[in-house]
Amino acid sequence: MHPVNAERVTHRIGSLKPNAFGLYDMYGNVWEWCGDVFGPLPGGEQTDPTGPTIGKERVLRGGSFLDRTDTCSSTGRRGADPAERDFRFGLRIACDP
């Protein structure tokens, strides 16, 4: 499969079109760190599922500019040690009013 980002480079935030919710750069730019511990998710249809409560790895979501299109989605997830550094990892700062 081809990468979702044909140029295979990161883009300046907001330079591409937003998704259906009006959010920019949700997948295909860099993997985004999440607070969830990585592990198996509960079965069945879930809304905002959480994994285990303890573990070494944290969740990364969304895929990066070097990944195939099938991993660049809101359901694309992987685990990594929080001490791991990679140019394909980033984070999104969000505010909950």
Protein backbone atom coordinates (compact mmCIF):
# COMPACT_ATOMS: atom_id res chain seq x y z
CA MET A 1 0.00 0.00 0.00
CA HIS A 2 1.09 3.55 -0.66
CA PRO A 3 1.77 5.98 2.16
CA VAL A 4 -1.06 8.39 2.95
CA ASN A 5 1.44 11.24 2.58
CA ALA A 6 2.79 10.90 -0.97
CA GLU A 7 5.59 13.43 -0.38
CA ARG A 8 6.76 11.38 2.64
CA VAL A 9 7.53 14.52 4.68
CA THR A 10 5.86 16.21 7.62
CA HIS A 11 3.63 19.19 6.91
CA ARG A 12 3.17 22.46 8.75
CA ILE A 13 0.12 22.12 11.04
CA GLY A 14 -3.07 23.26 9.29
CA SER A 15 -1.58 23.25 5.79
CA LEU A 16 -3.75 20.34 4.64
CA LYS A 17 -7.54 20.06 4.59
CA PRO A 18 -9.33 19.29 7.90
CA ASN A 19 -11.26 16.06 8.46
CA ALA A 20 -15.07 15.86 8.72
CA PHE A 21 -14.91 17.18 12.32
CA GLY A 22 -12.86 20.23 11.34
CA LEU A 23 -9.68 18.83 12.93
CA TYR A 24 -6.36 19.16 11.13
CA ASP A 25 -3.54 16.65 10.81
CA MET A 26 -5.14 13.81 12.76
CA TYR A 27 -3.29 11.07 10.90
CA GLY A 28 -0.44 10.68 8.49
CA ASN A 29 1.79 13.44 9.85
CA VAL A 30 3.33 11.98 13.05
CA TRP A 31 2.24 9.28 15.50
CA GLU A 32 0.61 11.01 18.47
CA TRP A 33 1.34 9.98 22.05
CA CYS A 34 -1.74 9.15 24.14
CA GLY A 35 -2.07 8.71 27.90
CA ASP A 36 -3.47 5.18 27.58
CA VAL A 37 -1.39 2.15 28.52
CA PHE A 38 -0.88 -0.08 25.48
CA GLY A 39 -2.42 -3.56 25.55
CA PRO A 40 -5.42 -5.53 24.37
CA LEU A 41 -8.68 -3.61 24.08
CA PRO A 42 -12.04 -5.00 25.22
CA GLY A 43 -13.93 -6.85 22.51
CA GLY A 44 -17.03 -5.61 20.72
CA GLU A 45 -17.98 -2.16 19.54
CA GLN A 46 -16.56 0.53 21.82
CA THR A 47 -16.58 4.31 22.06
CA ASP A 48 -13.25 5.66 23.30
CA PRO A 49 -12.03 2.31 24.65
CA THR A 50 -9.21 2.12 27.16
CA GLY A 51 -6.68 -0.63 27.50
CA PRO A 52 -5.10 -2.01 30.67
CA THR A 53 -4.45 0.20 33.69
CA ILE A 54 -0.81 -0.85 34.16
CA GLY A 55 2.01 -1.54 31.74
CA LYS A 56 5.27 -0.20 30.38
CA GLU A 57 4.19 0.98 26.93
CA ARG A 58 1.90 3.89 26.06
CA VAL A 59 -0.36 4.18 23.03
CA LEU A 60 0.65 5.97 19.84
CA ARG A 61 -2.18 6.73 17.37
CA GLY A 62 -2.70 7.98 13.86
CA GLY A 63 0.30 6.84 11.86
CA SER A 64 3.14 8.88 10.40
CA PHE A 65 4.18 10.27 7.06
CA LEU A 66 6.26 7.12 6.45
CA ASP A 67 3.47 4.61 7.16
CA ARG A 68 1.09 2.79 4.85
CA THR A 69 -2.45 4.09 4.45
CA ASP A 70 -3.93 1.18 6.45
CA THR A 71 -2.15 2.34 9.63
CA CYS A 72 -2.93 6.05 9.16
CA SER A 73 -6.32 6.32 10.81
CA SER A 74 -7.88 7.07 14.18
CA THR A 75 -7.99 3.31 14.80
CA GLY A 76 -4.31 2.86 13.92
CA ARG A 77 -2.47 2.27 17.19
CA ARG A 78 0.80 0.86 18.45
CA GLY A 79 2.70 0.80 21.69
CA ALA A 80 6.07 2.27 22.63
CA ASP A 81 8.07 2.92 25.77
CA PRO A 82 7.57 6.58 26.77
CA ALA A 83 11.36 6.98 26.89
CA GLU A 84 11.61 6.10 23.18
CA ARG A 85 12.39 9.03 20.90
CA ASP A 86 11.65 9.03 17.18
CA PHE A 87 11.22 11.79 14.61
CA ARG A 88 7.88 10.21 13.65
CA PHE A 89 6.41 10.71 17.17
CA GLY A 90 4.70 13.85 18.40
CA LEU A 91 1.82 14.99 20.53
CA ARG A 92 -1.30 17.10 20.28
CA ILE A 93 -2.08 19.59 22.99
CA ALA A 94 -5.80 19.67 23.70
CA CYS A 95 -7.85 21.83 26.01
CA ASP A 96 -11.06 20.63 27.64
CA PRO A 97 -13.06 23.73 28.60
